[in-house]
Amino acid sequence: MSEDDKNFIERAESISTNLYGEPMSPERIAENFALYGLKKRMAALERFDTELGGEIDSSPHNLRKRVQLVDLRRRMGSLHEALRKANR
């Protein structure tokens, strides 16, 4: 699978596997997201939204991955809003 064919979660898992020997969970991705600054969080959410705006393949595997992406995006968005309210 080329890098262009991987979604956000798959890219994070691949990078963390290469660095640490184990894939990064969606929960860990959200925790790391909280450490980003405001501009970096906004840019990450915009890239995420662009990725989610693409075509949806109806195979069961791709639908599961899509649900994971939407759930992660929702968590990251909520976290971003909470951090903005706290002026962080």
PDB file of N, CA and C in Angstrom:
ATOM      1  N   MET A   1       0.863  -1.172   0.000  1.00  0.00           N
ATOM      2  CA  MET A   1       0.000   0.000   0.000  1.00  0.00           C
ATOM      3  C   MET A   1       0.906   1.232   0.000  1.00  0.00           C
ATOM      4  N   SER A   2       0.688   2.109  -0.962  1.00  0.00           N
ATOM      5  CA  SER A   2       1.511   3.317  -1.025  1.00  0.00           C
ATOM      6  C   SER A   2       1.086   4.295   0.062  1.00  0.00           C
ATOM      7  N   GLU A   3       1.964   5.245   0.342  1.00  0.00           N
ATOM      8  CA  GLU A   3       1.692   6.243   1.385  1.00  0.00           C
ATOM      9  C   GLU A   3       0.436   7.049   1.059  1.00  0.00           C
ATOM     10  N   ASP A   4       0.170   7.275  -0.231  1.00  0.00           N
ATOM     11  CA  ASP A   4      -1.012   8.048  -0.632  1.00  0.00           C
ATOM     12  C   ASP A   4      -2.309   7.295  -0.382  1.00  0.00           C
ATOM     13  N   ASP A   5      -2.249   5.959  -0.355  1.00  0.00           N
ATOM     14  CA  ASP A   5      -3.446   5.154  -0.148  1.00  0.00           C
ATOM     15  C   ASP A   5      -3.793   4.973   1.321  1.00  0.00           C
ATOM     16  N   LYS A   6      -2.890   5.343   2.218  1.00  0.00           N
ATOM     17  CA  LYS A   6      -3.122   5.156   3.645  1.00  0.00           C
ATOM     18  C   LYS A   6      -3.908   6.332   4.206  1.00  0.00           C
ATOM     19  N   ASN A   7      -4.797   6.014   5.172  1.00  0.00           N
ATOM     20  CA  ASN A   7      -5.518   7.093   5.839  1.00  0.00           C
ATOM     21  C   ASN A   7      -4.689   7.586   7.028  1.00  0.00           C
ATOM     22  N   PHE A   8      -5.209   8.574   7.709  1.00  0.00           N
ATOM     23  CA  PHE A   8      -4.496   9.224   8.813  1.00  0.00           C
ATOM     24  C   PHE A   8      -4.065   8.216   9.877  1.00  0.00           C
ATOM     25  N   ILE A   9      -4.954   7.343  10.281  1.00  0.00           N
ATOM     26  CA  ILE A   9      -4.657   6.371  11.329  1.00  0.00           C
ATOM     27  C   ILE A   9      -3.596   5.384  10.851  1.00  0.00           C
ATOM     28  N   GLU A  10      -3.718   4.918   9.622  1.00  0.00           N
ATOM     29  CA  GLU A  10      -2.737   3.973   9.092  1.00  0.00           C
ATOM     30  C   GLU A  10      -1.347   4.599   8.989  1.00  0.00           C
ATOM     31  N   ARG A  11      -1.269   5.874   8.606  1.00  0.00           N
ATOM     32  CA  ARG A  11       0.026   6.551   8.549  1.00  0.00           C
ATOM     33  C   ARG A  11       0.627   6.679   9.945  1.00  0.00           C
ATOM     34  N   ALA A  12      -0.188   7.048  10.935  1.00  0.00           N
ATOM     35  CA  ALA A  12       0.301   7.170  12.318  1.00  0.00           C
ATOM     36  C   ALA A  12       0.771   5.818  12.843  1.00  0.00           C
ATOM     37  N   GLU A  13       0.025   4.752  12.546  1.00  0.00           N
ATOM     38  CA  GLU A  13       0.424   3.417  12.986  1.00  0.00           C
ATOM     39  C   GLU A  13       1.745   3.004  12.338  1.00  0.00           C
ATOM     40  N   SER A  14       1.894   3.292  11.069  1.00  0.00           N
ATOM     41  CA  SER A  14       3.107   2.934  10.345  1.00  0.00           C
ATOM     42  C   SER A  14       4.320   3.666  10.905  1.00  0.00           C
ATOM     43  N   ILE A  15       4.173   4.964  11.134  1.00  0.00           N
ATOM     44  CA  ILE A  15       5.284   5.759  11.670  1.00  0.00           C
ATOM     45  C   ILE A  15       5.661   5.286  13.067  1.00  0.00           C
ATOM     46  N   SER A  16       4.655   5.083  13.933  1.00  0.00           N
ATOM     47  CA  SER A  16       4.973   4.669  15.304  1.00  0.00           C
ATOM     48  C   SER A  16       5.536   3.250  15.340  1.00  0.00           C
ATOM     49  N   THR A  17       5.103   2.389  14.432  1.00  0.00           N
ATOM     50  CA  THR A  17       5.667   1.047  14.369  1.00  0.00           C
ATOM     51  C   THR A  17       7.136   1.113  13.989  1.00  0.00           C
ATOM     52  N   ASN A  18       7.470   1.968  13.025  1.00  0.00           N
ATOM     53  CA  ASN A  18       8.868   2.119  12.625  1.00  0.00           C
ATOM     54  C   ASN A  18       9.709   2.710  13.753  1.00  0.00           C
ATOM     55  N   LEU A  19       9.155   3.653  14.510  1.00  0.00           N
ATOM     56  CA  LEU A  19       9.913   4.302  15.575  1.00  0.00           C
ATOM     57  C   LEU A  19       9.981   3.486  16.858  1.00  0.00           C
ATOM     58  N   TYR A  20       8.834   2.917  17.263  1.00  0.00           N
ATOM     59  CA  TYR A  20       8.741   2.296  18.583  1.00  0.00           C
ATOM     60  C   TYR A  20       8.471   0.790  18.563  1.00  0.00           C
ATOM     61  N   GLY A  21       8.240   0.230  17.389  1.00  0.00           N
ATOM     62  CA  GLY A  21       8.006  -1.201  17.290  1.00  0.00           C
ATOM     63  C   GLY A  21       6.574  -1.622  17.518  1.00  0.00           C
ATOM     64  N   GLU A  22       5.675  -0.688  17.775  1.00  0.00           N
ATOM     65  CA  GLU A  22       4.260  -1.026  17.956  1.00  0.00           C
ATOM     66  C   GLU A  22       3.401   0.103  17.391  1.00  0.00           C
ATOM     67  N   PRO A  23       2.229  -0.251  16.864  1.00  0.00           N
ATOM     68  CA  PRO A  23       1.369   0.788  16.267  1.00  0.00           C
ATOM     69  C   PRO A  23       0.753   1.698  17.329  1.00  0.00           C
ATOM     70  N   MET A  24       0.461   2.912  16.918  1.00  0.00           N
ATOM     71  CA  MET A  24      -0.149   3.899  17.812  1.00  0.00           C
ATOM     72  C   MET A  24      -1.672   3.736  17.761  1.00  0.00           C
ATOM     73  N   SER A  25      -2.285   3.670  18.910  1.00  0.00           N
ATOM     74  CA  SER A  25      -3.738   3.529  18.981  1.00  0.00           C
ATOM     75  C   SER A  25      -4.401   4.877  18.700  1.00  0.00           C
ATOM     76  N   PRO A  26      -5.667   4.866  18.276  1.00  0.00           N
ATOM     77  CA  PRO A  26      -6.383   6.136  18.090  1.00  0.00           C
ATOM     78  C   PRO A  26      -6.439   6.977  19.365  1.00  0.00           C
ATOM     79  N   GLU A  27      -6.497   6.330  20.523  1.00  0.00           N
ATOM     80  CA  GLU A  27      -6.508   7.063  21.789  1.00  0.00           C
ATOM     81  C   GLU A  27      -5.194   7.811  21.986  1.00  0.00           C
ATOM     82  N   ARG A  28      -4.093   7.159  21.647  1.00  0.00           N
ATOM     83  CA  ARG A  28      -2.778   7.782  21.777  1.00  0.00           C
ATOM     84  C   ARG A  28      -2.617   8.928  20.776  1.00  0.00           C
ATOM     85  N   ILE A  29      -3.201   8.765  19.586  1.00  0.00           N
ATOM     86  CA  ILE A  29      -3.164   9.828  18.586  1.00  0.00           C
ATOM     87  C   ILE A  29      -3.860  11.070  19.142  1.00  0.00           C
ATOM     88  N   ALA A  30      -5.020  10.878  19.767  1.00  0.00           N
ATOM     89  CA  ALA A  30      -5.764  11.998  20.342  1.00  0.00           C
ATOM     90  C   ALA A  30      -4.983  12.640  21.495  1.00  0.00           C
ATOM     91  N   GLU A  31      -4.309  11.828  22.316  1.00  0.00           N
ATOM     92  CA  GLU A  31      -3.497  12.369  23.410  1.00  0.00           C
ATOM     93  C   GLU A  31      -2.359  13.231  22.860  1.00  0.00           C
ATOM     94  N   ASN A  32      -1.698  12.751  21.831  1.00  0.00           N
ATOM     95  CA  ASN A  32      -0.607  13.513  21.223  1.00  0.00           C
ATOM     96  C   ASN A  32      -1.123  14.792  20.573  1.00  0.00           C
ATOM     97  N   PHE A  33      -2.325  14.729  20.010  1.00  0.00           N
ATOM     98  CA  PHE A  33      -2.940  15.892  19.385  1.00  0.00           C
ATOM     99  C   PHE A  33      -3.097  17.035  20.387  1.00  0.00           C
ATOM    100  N   ALA A  34      -3.379  16.681  21.625  1.00  0.00           N
ATOM    101  CA  ALA A  34      -3.567  17.689  22.679  1.00  0.00           C
ATOM    102  C   ALA A  34      -2.282  18.468  22.952  1.00  0.00           C
ATOM    103  N   LEU A  35      -1.141  17.921  22.594  1.00  0.00           N
ATOM    104  CA  LEU A  35       0.136  18.581  22.829  1.00  0.00           C
ATOM    105  C   LEU A  35       0.483  19.594  21.744  1.00  0.00           C
ATOM    106  N   TYR A  36      -0.234  19.555  20.630  1.00  0.00           N
ATOM    107  CA  TYR A  36       0.021  20.482  19.529  1.00  0.00           C
ATOM    108  C   TYR A  36      -0.377  21.893  19.936  1.00  0.00           C
ATOM    109  N   GLY A  37       0.238  22.877  19.308  1.00  0.00           N
ATOM    110  CA  GLY A  37      -0.178  24.257  19.481  1.00  0.00           C
ATOM    111  C   GLY A  37      -1.437  24.523  18.674  1.00  0.00           C
ATOM    112  N   LEU A  38      -2.039  25.678  18.866  1.00  0.00           N
ATOM    113  CA  LEU A  38      -3.297  26.031  18.215  1.00  0.00           C
ATOM    114  C   LEU A  38      -3.219  25.913  16.695  1.00  0.00           C
ATOM    115  N   LYS A  39      -2.206  26.504  16.084  1.00  0.00           N
ATOM    116  CA  LYS A  39      -2.101  26.493  14.622  1.00  0.00           C
ATOM    117  C   LYS A  39      -1.880  25.088  14.084  1.00  0.00           C
ATOM    118  N   LYS A  40      -1.079  24.312  14.767  1.00  0.00           N
ATOM    119  CA  LYS A  40      -0.815  22.945  14.315  1.00  0.00           C
ATOM    120  C   LYS A  40      -2.066  22.080  14.453  1.00  0.00           C
ATOM    121  N   ARG A  41      -2.841  22.294  15.525  1.00  0.00           N
ATOM    122  CA  ARG A  41      -4.108  21.554  15.684  1.00  0.00           C
ATOM    123  C   ARG A  41      -5.078  21.909  14.571  1.00  0.00           C
ATOM    124  N   MET A  42      -5.173  23.211  14.278  1.00  0.00           N
ATOM    125  CA  MET A  42      -6.092  23.649  13.221  1.00  0.00           C
ATOM    126  C   MET A  42      -5.682  23.061  11.873  1.00  0.00           C
ATOM    127  N   ALA A  43      -4.407  23.068  11.580  1.00  0.00           N
ATOM    128  CA  ALA A  43      -3.921  22.508  10.320  1.00  0.00           C
ATOM    129  C   ALA A  43      -4.192  21.007  10.246  1.00  0.00           C
ATOM    130  N   ALA A  44      -3.978  20.307  11.358  1.00  0.00           N
ATOM    131  CA  ALA A  44      -4.233  18.869  11.387  1.00  0.00           C
ATOM    132  C   ALA A  44      -5.715  18.574  11.165  1.00  0.00           C
ATOM    133  N   LEU A  45      -6.592  19.349  11.788  1.00  0.00           N
ATOM    134  CA  LEU A  45      -8.027  19.143  11.612  1.00  0.00           C
ATOM    135  C   LEU A  45      -8.449  19.442  10.175  1.00  0.00           C
ATOM    136  N   GLU A  46      -7.865  20.458   9.559  1.00  0.00           N
ATOM    137  CA  GLU A  46      -8.183  20.768   8.164  1.00  0.00           C
ATOM    138  C   GLU A  46      -7.745  19.643   7.237  1.00  0.00           C
ATOM    139  N   ARG A  47      -6.536  19.098   7.452  1.00  0.00           N
ATOM    140  CA  ARG A  47      -6.077  17.966   6.635  1.00  0.00           C
ATOM    141  C   ARG A  47      -6.976  16.758   6.850  1.00  0.00           C
ATOM    142  N   PHE A  48      -7.382  16.548   8.079  1.00  0.00           N
ATOM    143  CA  PHE A  48      -8.265  15.435   8.421  1.00  0.00           C
ATOM    144  C   PHE A  48      -9.600  15.590   7.689  1.00  0.00           C
ATOM    145  N   ASP A  49     -10.164  16.801   7.713  1.00  0.00           N
ATOM    146  CA  ASP A  49     -11.436  17.053   7.036  1.00  0.00           C
ATOM    147  C   ASP A  49     -11.322  16.841   5.533  1.00  0.00           C
ATOM    148  N   THR A  50     -10.200  17.238   4.962  1.00  0.00           N
ATOM    149  CA  THR A  50      -9.972  17.019   3.537  1.00  0.00           C
ATOM    150  C   THR A  50      -9.949  15.534   3.225  1.00  0.00           C
ATOM    151  N   GLU A  51      -9.275  14.779   4.066  1.00  0.00           N
ATOM    152  CA  GLU A  51      -9.213  13.330   3.881  1.00  0.00           C
ATOM    153  C   GLU A  51     -10.597  12.697   3.995  1.00  0.00           C
ATOM    154  N   LEU A  52     -11.386  13.157   4.952  1.00  0.00           N
ATOM    155  CA  LEU A  52     -12.730  12.601   5.126  1.00  0.00           C
ATOM    156  C   LEU A  52     -13.680  13.019   4.005  1.00  0.00           C
ATOM    157  N   GLY A  53     -13.345  14.090   3.297  1.00  0.00           N
ATOM    158  CA  GLY A  53     -14.196  14.556   2.208  1.00  0.00           C
ATOM    159  C   GLY A  53     -14.078  13.732   0.944  1.00  0.00           C
ATOM    160  N   GLY A  54     -13.154  12.785   0.920  1.00  0.00           N
ATOM    161  CA  GLY A  54     -12.940  11.953  -0.264  1.00  0.00           C
ATOM    162  C   GLY A  54     -14.043  10.920  -0.446  1.00  0.00           C
ATOM    163  N   GLU A  55     -13.882  10.149  -1.490  1.00  0.00           N
ATOM    164  CA  GLU A  55     -14.851   9.097  -1.822  1.00  0.00           C
ATOM    165  C   GLU A  55     -14.847   7.999  -0.765  1.00  0.00           C
ATOM    166  N   ILE A  56     -15.995   7.386  -0.573  1.00  0.00           N
ATOM    167  CA  ILE A  56     -16.140   6.298   0.387  1.00  0.00           C
ATOM    168  C   ILE A  56     -16.275   4.996  -0.385  1.00  0.00           C
ATOM    169  N   ASP A  57     -15.392   4.049  -0.100  1.00  0.00           N
ATOM    170  CA  ASP A  57     -15.479   2.709  -0.677  1.00  0.00           C
ATOM    171  C   ASP A  57     -16.400   1.900   0.229  1.00  0.00           C
ATOM    172  N   SER A  58     -17.286   1.118  -0.352  1.00  0.00           N
ATOM    173  CA  SER A  58     -18.302   0.437   0.454  1.00  0.00           C
ATOM    174  C   SER A  58     -17.881  -0.943   0.947  1.00  0.00           C
ATOM    175  N   SER A  59     -16.624  -1.315   0.828  1.00  0.00           N
ATOM    176  CA  SER A  59     -16.198  -2.613   1.357  1.00  0.00           C
ATOM    177  C   SER A  59     -16.217  -2.551   2.893  1.00  0.00           C
ATOM    178  N   PRO A  60     -16.488  -3.673   3.547  1.00  0.00           N
ATOM    179  CA  PRO A  60     -16.573  -3.677   5.015  1.00  0.00           C
ATOM    180  C   PRO A  60     -15.309  -3.153   5.685  1.00  0.00           C
ATOM    181  N   HIS A  61     -14.133  -3.524   5.173  1.00  0.00           N
ATOM    182  CA  HIS A  61     -12.879  -3.058   5.765  1.00  0.00           C
ATOM    183  C   HIS A  61     -12.781  -1.537   5.675  1.00  0.00           C
ATOM    184  N   ASN A  62     -13.089  -0.979   4.529  1.00  0.00           N
ATOM    185  CA  ASN A  62     -12.992   0.472   4.353  1.00  0.00           C
ATOM    186  C   ASN A  62     -14.042   1.210   5.167  1.00  0.00           C
ATOM    187  N   LEU A  63     -15.218   0.625   5.327  1.00  0.00           N
ATOM    188  CA  LEU A  63     -16.244   1.265   6.151  1.00  0.00           C
ATOM    189  C   LEU A  63     -15.817   1.298   7.623  1.00  0.00           C
ATOM    190  N   ARG A  64     -15.190   0.209   8.103  1.00  0.00           N
ATOM    191  CA  ARG A  64     -14.688   0.184   9.483  1.00  0.00           C
ATOM    192  C   ARG A  64     -13.621   1.251   9.681  1.00  0.00           C
ATOM    193  N   LYS A  65     -12.710   1.356   8.722  1.00  0.00           N
ATOM    194  CA  LYS A  65     -11.663   2.370   8.810  1.00  0.00           C
ATOM    195  C   LYS A  65     -12.266   3.769   8.794  1.00  0.00           C
ATOM    196  N   ARG A  66     -13.304   3.958   7.983  1.00  0.00           N
ATOM    197  CA  ARG A  66     -13.965   5.264   7.894  1.00  0.00           C
ATOM    198  C   ARG A  66     -14.614   5.626   9.225  1.00  0.00           C
ATOM    199  N   VAL A  67     -15.256   4.652   9.870  1.00  0.00           N
ATOM    200  CA  VAL A  67     -15.881   4.884  11.173  1.00  0.00           C
ATOM    201  C   VAL A  67     -14.817   5.258  12.200  1.00  0.00           C
ATOM    202  N   GLN A  68     -13.661   4.577  12.166  1.00  0.00           N
ATOM    203  CA  GLN A  68     -12.565   4.916  13.078  1.00  0.00           C
ATOM    204  C   GLN A  68     -12.099   6.345  12.834  1.00  0.00           C
ATOM    205  N   LEU A  69     -11.972   6.731  11.569  1.00  0.00           N
ATOM    206  CA  LEU A  69     -11.534   8.082  11.244  1.00  0.00           C
ATOM    207  C   LEU A  69     -12.526   9.128  11.736  1.00  0.00           C
ATOM    208  N   VAL A  70     -13.806   8.885  11.500  1.00  0.00           N
ATOM    209  CA  VAL A  70     -14.832   9.840  11.924  1.00  0.00           C
ATOM    210  C   VAL A  70     -14.848   9.955  13.446  1.00  0.00           C
ATOM    211  N   ASP A  71     -14.712   8.837  14.139  1.00  0.00           N
ATOM    212  CA  ASP A  71     -14.684   8.865  15.604  1.00  0.00           C
ATOM    213  C   ASP A  71     -13.464   9.633  16.109  1.00  0.00           C
ATOM    214  N   LEU A  72     -12.309   9.373  15.513  1.00  0.00           N
ATOM    215  CA  LEU A  72     -11.097  10.088  15.920  1.00  0.00           C
ATOM    216  C   LEU A  72     -11.228  11.577  15.628  1.00  0.00           C
ATOM    217  N   ARG A  73     -11.797  11.932  14.485  1.00  0.00           N
ATOM    218  CA  ARG A  73     -11.977  13.339  14.133  1.00  0.00           C
ATOM    219  C   ARG A  73     -12.908  14.034  15.134  1.00  0.00           C
ATOM    220  N   ARG A  74     -13.950  13.337  15.541  1.00  0.00           N
ATOM    221  CA  ARG A  74     -14.882  13.895  16.527  1.00  0.00           C
ATOM    222  C   ARG A  74     -14.176  14.141  17.861  1.00  0.00           C
ATOM    223  N   ARG A  75     -13.372  13.157  18.306  1.00  0.00           N
ATOM    224  CA  ARG A  75     -12.634  13.321  19.562  1.00  0.00           C
ATOM    225  C   ARG A  75     -11.619  14.446  19.474  1.00  0.00           C
ATOM    226  N   MET A  76     -10.922  14.514  18.365  1.00  0.00           N
ATOM    227  CA  MET A  76      -9.920  15.562  18.185  1.00  0.00           C
ATOM    228  C   MET A  76     -10.592  16.939  18.124  1.00  0.00           C
ATOM    229  N   GLY A  77     -11.738  17.022  17.470  1.00  0.00           N
ATOM    230  CA  GLY A  77     -12.464  18.287  17.406  1.00  0.00           C
ATOM    231  C   GLY A  77     -12.939  18.739  18.778  1.00  0.00           C
ATOM    232  N   SER A  78     -13.450  17.813  19.570  1.00  0.00           N
ATOM    233  CA  SER A  78     -13.898  18.140  20.931  1.00  0.00           C
ATOM    234  C   SER A  78     -12.728  18.584  21.799  1.00  0.00           C
ATOM    235  N   LEU A  79     -11.624  17.893  21.662  1.00  0.00           N
ATOM    236  CA  LEU A  79     -10.427  18.247  22.414  1.00  0.00           C
ATOM    237  C   LEU A  79      -9.925  19.625  22.006  1.00  0.00           C
ATOM    238  N   HIS A  80      -9.937  19.908  20.732  1.00  0.00           N
ATOM    239  CA  HIS A  80      -9.499  21.215  20.230  1.00  0.00           C
ATOM    240  C   HIS A  80     -10.387  22.329  20.795  1.00  0.00           C
ATOM    241  N   GLU A  81     -11.694  22.124  20.780  1.00  0.00           N
ATOM    242  CA  GLU A  81     -12.611  23.130  21.322  1.00  0.00           C
ATOM    243  C   GLU A  81     -12.373  23.345  22.815  1.00  0.00           C
ATOM    244  N   ALA A  82     -12.170  22.279  23.554  1.00  0.00           N
ATOM    245  CA  ALA A  82     -11.911  22.410  24.996  1.00  0.00           C
ATOM    246  C   ALA A  82     -10.621  23.167  25.250  1.00  0.00           C
ATOM    247  N   LEU A  83      -9.592  22.885  24.464  1.00  0.00           N
ATOM    248  CA  LEU A  83      -8.326  23.598  24.631  1.00  0.00           C
ATOM    249  C   LEU A  83      -8.450  25.069  24.234  1.00  0.00           C
ATOM    250  N   ARG A  84      -9.237  25.358  23.215  1.00  0.00           N
ATOM    251  CA  ARG A  84      -9.449  26.746  22.821  1.00  0.00           C
ATOM    252  C   ARG A  84     -10.164  27.518  23.916  1.00  0.00           C
ATOM    253  N   LYS A  85     -11.166  26.893  24.524  1.00  0.00           N
ATOM    254  CA  LYS A  85     -11.886  27.540  25.611  1.00  0.00           C
ATOM    255  C   LYS A  85     -10.987  27.809  26.809  1.00  0.00           C
ATOM    256  N   ALA A  86      -9.985  26.961  26.990  1.00  0.00           N
ATOM    257  CA  ALA A  86      -9.032  27.137  28.088  1.00  0.00           C
ATOM    258  C   ALA A  86      -7.864  28.038  27.676  1.00  0.00           C
ATOM    259  N   ASN A  87      -7.991  28.652  26.486  1.00  0.00           N
ATOM    260  CA  ASN A  87      -6.949  29.533  25.939  1.00  0.00           C
ATOM    261  C   ASN A  87      -5.600  28.828  25.789  1.00  0.00           C
ATOM    262  N   ARG A  88      -5.615  27.625  25.311  1.00  0.00           N
ATOM    263  CA  ARG A  88      -4.381  26.854  25.090  1.00  0.00           C
ATOM    264  C   ARG A  88      -4.246  26.493  23.640  1.00  0.00           C
TER     265      ARG A  88
END
